[in-house]
Amino acid sequence: MGQRGTRLRLVGAALSALALTAGGAGCGDDEDEDKGGGPGAPKALAIELTGSGKDLRFSMPKSVPGGVVRIEFTNGAKGEHGVQLIRVDAGHTPQEGLEAAGNWAEKGRPLPPWVHTAGGVGFAKTGATRSVTQELPPGKYAALDVESDTTASFDVRPADSAAKLPTSQARIDATEYEFNAIGLKSGKNPVLFDNKGSEPHVIAGALLKPGKTIADARRYAKNEKGEDPTDESAAFDTATVDGGIKQVVELDFKRPGNYVLLCYVPDRKGGPPHIAKGMVSQGVVR
């Protein structure tokens, strides 16, 4: 929980430090490319992070059809990286959305109603591919890797298919301010992450060490003093999603046991992160 929690708290710093010019951003591919898995199946949006050092870029289409989409993120760079999506309403640019999101996440300022934390894919190790399936409403988007400050902009057009979210026996529901986990099983699982609340939420999860309890995790989460009660080798995470967003995310639960589930983002009105409001819950993996 310590290392993963620190990384999530640094999301705000990464957002506010973005170079919103060509010098700090990746580019979308010229092609308008999307691949489907057959009639009625979600289209696939392939996103890859490539390069090395400070010279990283996203390879992805500049325009894709919306609706239910399977986002496949491949980390071709060293270290752990992910892709957080930011959507902005008409009349605003993705760069404005990133700047506003940075002020919200790092400085505790309100998140304007025209900025949406639109999901995406959590951290993937070097050479790994992670995927989520979710709805992408039409609009202008930014893709952000919070580890490297790499960004790219793309447009989502109106849906051209009637694809639906895949079904899942496992789910994690988020509300203000707790998680409720059902049906989690050891190994790789498609899990429905359903933000039933009105505030943005993210999941950071890790296995509790033998003999440690959710009470230990809550105490540690307040100031990170003493022994970390979680096993970071069995950790997982998601991207941040707005209230009302659902995504089916592929999660890998390394071992069965009791997991702690935490949220590090604040309310849209700003203020402290949800972990400070008690959003530290337990999920059981069989």
C-alpha atoms as a PDB file:
ATOM      1  CA  MET A   1       0.000   0.000   0.000  1.00  0.00           C
ATOM      2  CA  GLY A   2       2.869   2.354   0.700  1.00  0.00           C
ATOM      3  CA  GLN A   3       4.490   2.443  -2.736  1.00  0.00           C
ATOM      4  CA  ARG A   4       1.256   2.111  -4.699  1.00  0.00           C
ATOM      5  CA  GLY A   5      -0.453   4.705  -2.520  1.00  0.00           C
ATOM      6  CA  THR A   6       2.410   7.152  -2.995  1.00  0.00           C
ATOM      7  CA  ARG A   7       2.176   6.707  -6.750  1.00  0.00           C
ATOM      8  CA  LEU A   8      -1.544   7.446  -6.736  1.00  0.00           C
ATOM      9  CA  ARG A   9      -1.096  10.546  -4.593  1.00  0.00           C
ATOM     10  CA  LEU A  10       1.434  11.747  -7.149  1.00  0.00           C
ATOM     11  CA  VAL A  11      -1.236  11.696  -9.861  1.00  0.00           C
ATOM     12  CA  GLY A  12      -2.024  15.303  -9.078  1.00  0.00           C
ATOM     13  CA  ALA A  13       1.604  16.360  -9.265  1.00  0.00           C
ATOM     14  CA  ALA A  14       1.989  14.678 -12.631  1.00  0.00           C
ATOM     15  CA  LEU A  15      -1.152  16.299 -13.987  1.00  0.00           C
ATOM     16  CA  SER A  16      -0.198  19.821 -12.912  1.00  0.00           C
ATOM     17  CA  ALA A  17       3.381  19.430 -14.183  1.00  0.00           C
ATOM     18  CA  LEU A  18       2.352  18.451 -17.708  1.00  0.00           C
ATOM     19  CA  ALA A  19       3.943  20.315 -20.587  1.00  0.00           C
ATOM     20  CA  LEU A  20       0.822  21.080 -22.559  1.00  0.00           C
ATOM     21  CA  THR A  21       2.758  21.789 -25.717  1.00  0.00           C
ATOM     22  CA  ALA A  22       4.377  19.541 -28.287  1.00  0.00           C
ATOM     23  CA  GLY A  23       7.493  19.225 -26.183  1.00  0.00           C
ATOM     24  CA  GLY A  24       5.801  17.100 -23.524  1.00  0.00           C
ATOM     25  CA  ALA A  25       3.050  15.269 -25.327  1.00  0.00           C
ATOM     26  CA  GLY A  26       2.796  12.134 -27.385  1.00  0.00           C
ATOM     27  CA  CYS A  27       0.918  12.066 -30.662  1.00  0.00           C
ATOM     28  CA  GLY A  28      -1.925  10.053 -32.073  1.00  0.00           C
ATOM     29  CA  ASP A  29      -1.449   8.071 -35.249  1.00  0.00           C
ATOM     30  CA  ASP A  30      -2.685   9.609 -38.467  1.00  0.00           C
ATOM     31  CA  GLU A  31      -4.846   6.591 -39.221  1.00  0.00           C
ATOM     32  CA  ASP A  32      -8.403   6.304 -37.986  1.00  0.00           C
ATOM     33  CA  GLU A  33      -8.104   2.679 -36.954  1.00  0.00           C
ATOM     34  CA  ASP A  34     -10.469   0.558 -34.899  1.00  0.00           C
ATOM     35  CA  LYS A  35     -10.905  -3.171 -34.876  1.00  0.00           C
ATOM     36  CA  GLY A  36     -13.989  -5.110 -33.953  1.00  0.00           C
ATOM     37  CA  GLY A  37     -14.499  -8.652 -32.800  1.00  0.00           C
ATOM     38  CA  GLY A  38     -17.517  -9.365 -34.946  1.00  0.00           C
ATOM     39  CA  PRO A  39     -21.116  -8.108 -35.103  1.00  0.00           C
ATOM     40  CA  GLY A  40     -22.295  -6.783 -31.756  1.00  0.00           C
ATOM     41  CA  ALA A  41     -18.845  -7.071 -30.163  1.00  0.00           C
ATOM     42  CA  PRO A  42     -17.092  -3.995 -28.738  1.00  0.00           C
ATOM     43  CA  LYS A  43     -14.626  -2.238 -31.027  1.00  0.00           C
ATOM     44  CA  ALA A  44     -10.997  -2.404 -29.882  1.00  0.00           C
ATOM     45  CA  LEU A  45      -9.033   0.761 -29.214  1.00  0.00           C
ATOM     46  CA  ALA A  46      -5.312  -0.101 -29.173  1.00  0.00           C
ATOM     47  CA  ILE A  47      -3.044   2.254 -27.219  1.00  0.00           C
ATOM     48  CA  GLU A  48       0.698   1.633 -26.880  1.00  0.00           C
ATOM     49  CA  LEU A  49       3.317   3.565 -24.947  1.00  0.00           C
ATOM     50  CA  THR A  50       6.745   3.367 -26.588  1.00  0.00           C
ATOM     51  CA  GLY A  51      10.160   4.987 -26.332  1.00  0.00           C
ATOM     52  CA  SER A  52      12.648   5.332 -23.510  1.00  0.00           C
ATOM     53  CA  GLY A  53      13.691   7.817 -20.846  1.00  0.00           C
ATOM     54  CA  LYS A  54      11.907  11.126 -21.294  1.00  0.00           C
ATOM     55  CA  ASP A  55      11.195  10.411 -24.961  1.00  0.00           C
ATOM     56  CA  LEU A  56       7.925   8.489 -24.658  1.00  0.00           C
ATOM     57  CA  ARG A  57       4.895   8.675 -26.886  1.00  0.00           C
ATOM     58  CA  PHE A  58       1.447   7.160 -27.229  1.00  0.00           C
ATOM     59  CA  SER A  59       0.658   5.324 -30.455  1.00  0.00           C
ATOM     60  CA  MET A  60      -3.105   5.396 -30.985  1.00  0.00           C
ATOM     61  CA  PRO A  61      -5.753   6.539 -33.458  1.00  0.00           C
ATOM     62  CA  LYS A  62      -6.677  10.210 -33.576  1.00  0.00           C
ATOM     63  CA  SER A  63     -10.368   9.380 -33.942  1.00  0.00           C
ATOM     64  CA  VAL A  64     -12.454   6.363 -32.910  1.00  0.00           C
ATOM     65  CA  PRO A  65     -16.162   5.468 -32.835  1.00  0.00           C
ATOM     66  CA  GLY A  66     -17.719   5.594 -29.393  1.00  0.00           C
ATOM     67  CA  GLY A  67     -20.137   3.381 -27.567  1.00  0.00           C
ATOM     68  CA  VAL A  68     -18.876   0.321 -25.700  1.00  0.00           C
ATOM     69  CA  VAL A  69     -15.173  -0.018 -26.536  1.00  0.00           C
ATOM     70  CA  ARG A  70     -12.465  -2.465 -25.456  1.00  0.00           C
ATOM     71  CA  ILE A  71      -9.382  -0.391 -24.593  1.00  0.00           C
ATOM     72  CA  GLU A  72      -6.190  -2.427 -24.958  1.00  0.00           C
ATOM     73  CA  PHE A  73      -3.131  -0.732 -23.474  1.00  0.00           C
ATOM     74  CA  THR A  74       0.362  -2.126 -24.110  1.00  0.00           C
ATOM     75  CA  ASN A  75       3.305  -0.843 -22.100  1.00  0.00           C
ATOM     76  CA  GLY A  76       6.309  -0.870 -24.408  1.00  0.00           C
ATOM     77  CA  ALA A  77       8.382   1.321 -22.086  1.00  0.00           C
ATOM     78  CA  LYS A  78      10.456   0.547 -19.006  1.00  0.00           C
ATOM     79  CA  GLY A  79       8.723   0.626 -15.635  1.00  0.00           C
ATOM     80  CA  GLU A  80       5.013   0.597 -14.853  1.00  0.00           C
ATOM     81  CA  HIS A  81       2.773   2.855 -16.920  1.00  0.00           C
ATOM     82  CA  GLY A  82      -0.951   3.264 -17.557  1.00  0.00           C
ATOM     83  CA  VAL A  83      -3.448   5.412 -19.401  1.00  0.00           C
ATOM     84  CA  GLN A  84      -5.936   7.747 -17.686  1.00  0.00           C
ATOM     85  CA  LEU A  85      -8.602   9.263 -19.926  1.00  0.00           C
ATOM     86  CA  ILE A  86      -9.908  12.815 -19.493  1.00  0.00           C
ATOM     87  CA  ARG A  87     -12.974  13.940 -21.471  1.00  0.00           C
ATOM     88  CA  VAL A  88     -14.030  17.579 -21.890  1.00  0.00           C
ATOM     89  CA  ASP A  89     -17.372  19.041 -22.906  1.00  0.00           C
ATOM     90  CA  ALA A  90     -17.854  21.085 -26.071  1.00  0.00           C
ATOM     91  CA  GLY A  91     -16.184  24.486 -25.973  1.00  0.00           C
ATOM     92  CA  HIS A  92     -13.094  23.251 -24.121  1.00  0.00           C
ATOM     93  CA  THR A  93      -9.831  21.607 -25.155  1.00  0.00           C
ATOM     94  CA  PRO A  94      -8.193  18.461 -23.769  1.00  0.00           C
ATOM     95  CA  GLN A  95      -5.282  20.650 -22.623  1.00  0.00           C
ATOM     96  CA  GLU A  96      -7.668  22.776 -20.557  1.00  0.00           C
ATOM     97  CA  GLY A  97      -9.097  19.589 -19.078  1.00  0.00           C
ATOM     98  CA  LEU A  98      -5.652  18.314 -18.054  1.00  0.00           C
ATOM     99  CA  GLU A  99      -4.781  21.608 -16.398  1.00  0.00           C
ATOM    100  CA  ALA A 100      -8.067  21.703 -14.466  1.00  0.00           C
ATOM    101  CA  ALA A 101      -7.669  18.063 -13.425  1.00  0.00           C
ATOM    102  CA  GLY A 102      -4.175  18.820 -12.151  1.00  0.00           C
ATOM    103  CA  ASN A 103      -5.413  21.688 -10.003  1.00  0.00           C
ATOM    104  CA  TRP A 104      -8.102  19.377  -8.621  1.00  0.00           C
ATOM    105  CA  ALA A 105      -5.911  16.375  -7.877  1.00  0.00           C
ATOM    106  CA  GLU A 106      -2.881  18.202  -6.466  1.00  0.00           C
ATOM    107  CA  LYS A 107      -4.202  21.459  -5.066  1.00  0.00           C
ATOM    108  CA  GLY A 108      -7.644  20.351  -3.934  1.00  0.00           C
ATOM    109  CA  ARG A 109      -9.438  22.851  -6.161  1.00  0.00           C
ATOM    110  CA  PRO A 110     -12.890  22.097  -7.595  1.00  0.00           C
ATOM    111  CA  LEU A 111     -13.049  19.980 -10.738  1.00  0.00           C
ATOM    112  CA  PRO A 112     -15.133  21.949 -13.272  1.00  0.00           C
ATOM    113  CA  PRO A 113     -18.320  20.219 -14.431  1.00  0.00           C
ATOM    114  CA  TRP A 114     -17.029  20.214 -18.017  1.00  0.00           C
ATOM    115  CA  VAL A 115     -14.099  17.928 -17.077  1.00  0.00           C
ATOM    116  CA  HIS A 116     -14.707  14.186 -16.742  1.00  0.00           C
ATOM    117  CA  THR A 117     -12.409  11.498 -15.348  1.00  0.00           C
ATOM    118  CA  ALA A 118     -13.308   9.066 -18.083  1.00  0.00           C
ATOM    119  CA  GLY A 119     -11.667   5.799 -17.068  1.00  0.00           C
ATOM    120  CA  GLY A 120      -8.853   4.075 -18.899  1.00  0.00           C
ATOM    121  CA  VAL A 121      -6.389   1.390 -17.853  1.00  0.00           C
ATOM    122  CA  GLY A 122      -4.363   1.023 -14.662  1.00  0.00           C
ATOM    123  CA  PHE A 123      -0.625   0.388 -14.438  1.00  0.00           C
ATOM    124  CA  ALA A 124       0.937  -2.333 -16.590  1.00  0.00           C
ATOM    125  CA  LYS A 125       4.456  -3.734 -16.302  1.00  0.00           C
ATOM    126  CA  THR A 126       6.983  -3.518 -19.120  1.00  0.00           C
ATOM    127  CA  GLY A 127       5.846  -5.609 -22.080  1.00  0.00           C
ATOM    128  CA  ALA A 128       2.413  -6.298 -20.592  1.00  0.00           C
ATOM    129  CA  THR A 129      -1.006  -5.562 -22.074  1.00  0.00           C
ATOM    130  CA  ARG A 130      -4.010  -4.702 -19.895  1.00  0.00           C
ATOM    131  CA  SER A 131      -7.531  -4.060 -21.076  1.00  0.00           C
ATOM    132  CA  VAL A 132     -10.847  -2.651 -19.941  1.00  0.00           C
ATOM    133  CA  THR A 133     -14.204  -2.523 -21.671  1.00  0.00           C
ATOM    134  CA  GLN A 134     -16.292   0.596 -21.093  1.00  0.00           C
ATOM    135  CA  GLU A 135     -18.495   3.139 -22.796  1.00  0.00           C
ATOM    136  CA  LEU A 136     -16.827   6.122 -24.449  1.00  0.00           C
ATOM    137  CA  PRO A 137     -19.312   8.971 -25.031  1.00  0.00           C
ATOM    138  CA  PRO A 138     -18.580  11.215 -28.034  1.00  0.00           C
ATOM    139  CA  GLY A 139     -16.281  14.165 -27.395  1.00  0.00           C
ATOM    140  CA  LYS A 140     -12.698  15.317 -27.103  1.00  0.00           C
ATOM    141  CA  TYR A 141     -10.330  13.280 -24.938  1.00  0.00           C
ATOM    142  CA  ALA A 142      -6.825  13.331 -23.538  1.00  0.00           C
ATOM    143  CA  ALA A 143      -4.868  10.170 -22.727  1.00  0.00           C
ATOM    144  CA  LEU A 144      -2.395  10.592 -19.867  1.00  0.00           C
ATOM    145  CA  ASP A 145       0.351   8.403 -18.404  1.00  0.00           C
ATOM    146  CA  VAL A 146       0.803   9.840 -14.901  1.00  0.00           C
ATOM    147  CA  GLU A 147       4.228   8.194 -14.488  1.00  0.00           C
ATOM    148  CA  SER A 148       5.876  10.001 -17.403  1.00  0.00           C
ATOM    149  CA  ASP A 149       3.557  12.982 -18.058  1.00  0.00           C
ATOM    150  CA  THR A 150       3.077  11.684 -21.612  1.00  0.00           C
ATOM    151  CA  THR A 151      -0.174  12.813 -23.225  1.00  0.00           C
ATOM    152  CA  ALA A 152      -2.076  12.454 -26.479  1.00  0.00           C
ATOM    153  CA  SER A 153      -5.395  13.866 -27.676  1.00  0.00           C
ATOM    154  CA  PHE A 154      -8.072  12.036 -29.646  1.00  0.00           C
ATOM    155  CA  ASP A 155     -11.706  12.400 -30.676  1.00  0.00           C
ATOM    156  CA  VAL A 156     -14.536   9.965 -30.066  1.00  0.00           C
ATOM    157  CA  ARG A 157     -17.307   9.949 -32.652  1.00  0.00           C
ATOM    158  CA  PRO A 158     -20.916   8.786 -32.122  1.00  0.00           C
ATOM    159  CA  ALA A 159     -21.282   5.015 -31.719  1.00  0.00           C
ATOM    160  CA  ASP A 160     -21.667   2.923 -34.855  1.00  0.00           C
ATOM    161  CA  SER A 161     -22.584  -0.343 -33.116  1.00  0.00           C
ATOM    162  CA  ALA A 162     -24.919  -1.608 -30.385  1.00  0.00           C
ATOM    163  CA  ALA A 163     -22.233  -3.436 -28.382  1.00  0.00           C
ATOM    164  CA  LYS A 164     -22.860  -3.938 -24.657  1.00  0.00           C
ATOM    165  CA  LEU A 165     -20.598  -4.443 -21.678  1.00  0.00           C
ATOM    166  CA  PRO A 166     -19.609  -8.090 -21.187  1.00  0.00           C
ATOM    167  CA  THR A 167     -21.114  -9.870 -18.206  1.00  0.00           C
ATOM    168  CA  SER A 168     -19.016 -10.590 -15.127  1.00  0.00           C
ATOM    169  CA  GLN A 169     -19.606 -12.689 -12.016  1.00  0.00           C
ATOM    170  CA  ALA A 170     -17.166 -10.529 -10.039  1.00  0.00           C
ATOM    171  CA  ARG A 171     -17.747  -6.866  -9.234  1.00  0.00           C
ATOM    172  CA  ILE A 172     -16.525  -3.982  -7.109  1.00  0.00           C
ATOM    173  CA  ASP A 173     -19.061  -1.223  -6.471  1.00  0.00           C
ATOM    174  CA  ALA A 174     -17.937   2.225  -5.327  1.00  0.00           C
ATOM    175  CA  THR A 175     -20.096   4.693  -3.422  1.00  0.00           C
ATOM    176  CA  GLU A 176     -19.428   7.587  -1.027  1.00  0.00           C
ATOM    177  CA  TYR A 177     -17.295   6.427   0.771  1.00  0.00           C
ATOM    178  CA  GLU A 178     -16.809   2.669   0.558  1.00  0.00           C
ATOM    179  CA  PHE A 179     -16.278  -0.278  -1.759  1.00  0.00           C
ATOM    180  CA  ASN A 180     -18.373  -3.442  -1.896  1.00  0.00           C
ATOM    181  CA  ALA A 181     -16.639  -6.428  -3.524  1.00  0.00           C
ATOM    182  CA  ILE A 182     -18.512  -9.549  -4.668  1.00  0.00           C
ATOM    183  CA  GLY A 183     -17.353 -12.776  -6.316  1.00  0.00           C
ATOM    184  CA  LEU A 184     -13.606 -12.084  -6.559  1.00  0.00           C
ATOM    185  CA  LYS A 185     -11.527 -15.176  -7.364  1.00  0.00           C
ATOM    186  CA  SER A 186      -7.796 -15.845  -7.337  1.00  0.00           C
ATOM    187  CA  GLY A 187      -6.108 -15.404 -10.700  1.00  0.00           C
ATOM    188  CA  LYS A 188      -7.056 -13.214 -13.627  1.00  0.00           C
ATOM    189  CA  ASN A 189     -10.670 -12.031 -13.451  1.00  0.00           C
ATOM    190  CA  PRO A 190     -12.896  -9.807 -15.552  1.00  0.00           C
ATOM    191  CA  VAL A 191     -14.339  -7.569 -12.821  1.00  0.00           C
ATOM    192  CA  LEU A 192     -17.143  -5.028 -13.168  1.00  0.00           C
ATOM    193  CA  PHE A 193     -16.002  -1.765 -11.563  1.00  0.00           C
ATOM    194  CA  ASP A 194     -19.251   0.162 -11.066  1.00  0.00           C
ATOM    195  CA  ASN A 195     -19.069   3.692  -9.683  1.00  0.00           C
ATOM    196  CA  LYS A 196     -22.544   3.954  -8.209  1.00  0.00           C
ATOM    197  CA  GLY A 197     -21.676   7.208  -6.458  1.00  0.00           C
ATOM    198  CA  SER A 198     -21.713  10.759  -7.739  1.00  0.00           C
ATOM    199  CA  GLU A 199     -18.016  11.458  -7.097  1.00  0.00           C
ATOM    200  CA  PRO A 200     -14.980  10.195  -9.061  1.00  0.00           C
ATOM    201  CA  HIS A 201     -13.386   7.043  -7.652  1.00  0.00           C
ATOM    202  CA  VAL A 202     -10.317   4.877  -8.266  1.00  0.00           C
ATOM    203  CA  ILE A 203      -9.427   1.481  -6.808  1.00  0.00           C
ATOM    204  CA  ALA A 204      -6.005   0.774  -5.347  1.00  0.00           C
ATOM    205  CA  GLY A 205      -5.928  -2.718  -3.858  1.00  0.00           C
ATOM    206  CA  ALA A 206      -3.382  -4.909  -2.111  1.00  0.00           C
ATOM    207  CA  LEU A 207      -3.397  -8.192  -0.200  1.00  0.00           C
ATOM    208  CA  LEU A 208      -3.317  -7.892   3.578  1.00  0.00           C
ATOM    209  CA  LYS A 209      -0.335  -9.681   5.116  1.00  0.00           C
ATOM    210  CA  PRO A 210      -1.046 -12.726   7.320  1.00  0.00           C
ATOM    211  CA  GLY A 211      -2.347 -11.620  10.687  1.00  0.00           C
ATOM    212  CA  LYS A 212      -3.153  -8.104   9.501  1.00  0.00           C
ATOM    213  CA  THR A 213      -6.694  -6.722   9.465  1.00  0.00           C
ATOM    214  CA  ILE A 214      -8.656  -3.977   7.771  1.00  0.00           C
ATOM    215  CA  ALA A 215      -8.349  -2.022  11.037  1.00  0.00           C
ATOM    216  CA  ASP A 216      -4.558  -2.143  10.642  1.00  0.00           C
ATOM    217  CA  ALA A 217      -4.901  -0.871   7.078  1.00  0.00           C
ATOM    218  CA  ARG A 218      -7.130   2.014   8.161  1.00  0.00           C
ATOM    219  CA  ARG A 219      -4.672   3.061  10.846  1.00  0.00           C
ATOM    220  CA  TYR A 220      -1.759   2.883   8.436  1.00  0.00           C
ATOM    221  CA  ALA A 221      -3.641   4.801   5.750  1.00  0.00           C
ATOM    222  CA  LYS A 222      -3.952   7.827   8.025  1.00  0.00           C
ATOM    223  CA  ASN A 223      -0.210   8.574   8.226  1.00  0.00           C
ATOM    224  CA  GLU A 224       1.733   5.594   6.804  1.00  0.00           C
ATOM    225  CA  LYS A 225       3.628   5.183  10.080  1.00  0.00           C
ATOM    226  CA  GLY A 226       4.843   1.773  11.229  1.00  0.00           C
ATOM    227  CA  GLU A 227       4.694  -1.432   9.218  1.00  0.00           C
ATOM    228  CA  ASP A 228       2.793  -1.482   5.953  1.00  0.00           C
ATOM    229  CA  PRO A 229       0.085  -4.151   6.534  1.00  0.00           C
ATOM    230  CA  THR A 230      -0.195  -4.991   2.818  1.00  0.00           C
ATOM    231  CA  ASP A 231       1.768  -7.153   0.422  1.00  0.00           C
ATOM    232  CA  GLU A 232       2.734  -4.942  -2.547  1.00  0.00           C
ATOM    233  CA  SER A 233       3.601  -7.992  -4.640  1.00  0.00           C
ATOM    234  CA  ALA A 234      -0.136  -8.747  -4.733  1.00  0.00           C
ATOM    235  CA  ALA A 235      -1.384  -5.250  -5.582  1.00  0.00           C
ATOM    236  CA  PHE A 236      -3.685  -4.022  -8.358  1.00  0.00           C
ATOM    237  CA  ASP A 237      -5.273  -0.783  -9.487  1.00  0.00           C
ATOM    238  CA  THR A 238      -7.678   0.848 -11.926  1.00  0.00           C
ATOM    239  CA  ALA A 239      -8.012   4.201 -13.627  1.00  0.00           C
ATOM    240  CA  THR A 240     -10.225   6.925 -12.129  1.00  0.00           C
ATOM    241  CA  VAL A 241     -13.867   6.940 -13.259  1.00  0.00           C
ATOM    242  CA  ASP A 242     -16.599   9.538 -12.844  1.00  0.00           C
ATOM    243  CA  GLY A 243     -19.792   8.804 -10.974  1.00  0.00           C
ATOM    244  CA  GLY A 244     -22.097   6.610 -13.054  1.00  0.00           C
ATOM    245  CA  ILE A 245     -19.322   5.024 -15.132  1.00  0.00           C
ATOM    246  CA  LYS A 246     -18.949   1.260 -15.391  1.00  0.00           C
ATOM    247  CA  GLN A 247     -16.027  -0.650 -16.818  1.00  0.00           C
ATOM    248  CA  VAL A 248     -15.161  -4.322 -16.992  1.00  0.00           C
ATOM    249  CA  VAL A 249     -11.491  -4.434 -16.053  1.00  0.00           C
ATOM    250  CA  GLU A 250      -9.174  -7.432 -16.126  1.00  0.00           C
ATOM    251  CA  LEU A 251      -7.620  -7.769 -12.657  1.00  0.00           C
ATOM    252  CA  ASP A 252      -5.020 -10.294 -11.553  1.00  0.00           C
ATOM    253  CA  PHE A 253      -5.410 -11.396  -7.930  1.00  0.00           C
ATOM    254  CA  LYS A 254      -2.104 -13.116  -7.205  1.00  0.00           C
ATOM    255  CA  ARG A 255      -3.317 -15.052  -4.185  1.00  0.00           C
ATOM    256  CA  PRO A 256      -6.558 -15.622  -2.287  1.00  0.00           C
ATOM    257  CA  GLY A 257      -7.092 -13.750   0.957  1.00  0.00           C
ATOM    258  CA  ASN A 258      -8.307 -10.446   2.382  1.00  0.00           C
ATOM    259  CA  TYR A 259      -7.508  -7.385   0.285  1.00  0.00           C
ATOM    260  CA  VAL A 260      -7.688  -3.717   1.234  1.00  0.00           C
ATOM    261  CA  LEU A 261      -9.395  -1.414  -1.301  1.00  0.00           C
ATOM    262  CA  LEU A 262      -8.611   2.316  -1.194  1.00  0.00           C
ATOM    263  CA  CYS A 263      -9.526   5.486  -3.076  1.00  0.00           C
ATOM    264  CA  TYR A 264      -7.040   8.364  -3.244  1.00  0.00           C
ATOM    265  CA  VAL A 265      -8.936  10.957  -5.289  1.00  0.00           C
ATOM    266  CA  PRO A 266     -11.012  13.838  -3.829  1.00  0.00           C
ATOM    267  CA  ASP A 267     -14.592  14.969  -4.359  1.00  0.00           C
ATOM    268  CA  ARG A 268     -15.329  17.105  -7.404  1.00  0.00           C
ATOM    269  CA  LYS A 269     -15.636  20.124  -5.104  1.00  0.00           C
ATOM    270  CA  GLY A 270     -12.028  19.559  -4.031  1.00  0.00           C
ATOM    271  CA  GLY A 271     -10.655  18.931  -0.587  1.00  0.00           C
ATOM    272  CA  PRO A 272      -8.964  15.863   0.926  1.00  0.00           C
ATOM    273  CA  PRO A 273      -8.716  12.482  -0.840  1.00  0.00           C
ATOM    274  CA  HIS A 274     -11.395   9.894  -0.124  1.00  0.00           C
ATOM    275  CA  ILE A 275      -9.026   7.797   1.966  1.00  0.00           C
ATOM    276  CA  ALA A 276      -9.186  10.642   4.515  1.00  0.00           C
ATOM    277  CA  LYS A 277     -12.973  10.226   4.542  1.00  0.00           C
ATOM    278  CA  GLY A 278     -12.734   6.545   5.443  1.00  0.00           C
ATOM    279  CA  MET A 279     -12.791   5.000   1.960  1.00  0.00           C
ATOM    280  CA  VAL A 280     -10.707   2.001   3.059  1.00  0.00           C
ATOM    281  CA  SER A 281     -12.689  -1.217   2.564  1.00  0.00           C
ATOM    282  CA  GLN A 282     -12.043  -4.961   2.546  1.00  0.00           C
ATOM    283  CA  GLY A 283     -12.541  -7.342  -0.330  1.00  0.00           C
ATOM    284  CA  VAL A 284     -12.277 -11.122  -0.079  1.00  0.00           C
ATOM    285  CA  VAL A 285     -10.632 -13.103  -2.884  1.00  0.00           C
ATOM    286  CA  ARG A 286     -11.458 -16.829  -2.820  1.00  0.00           C
END
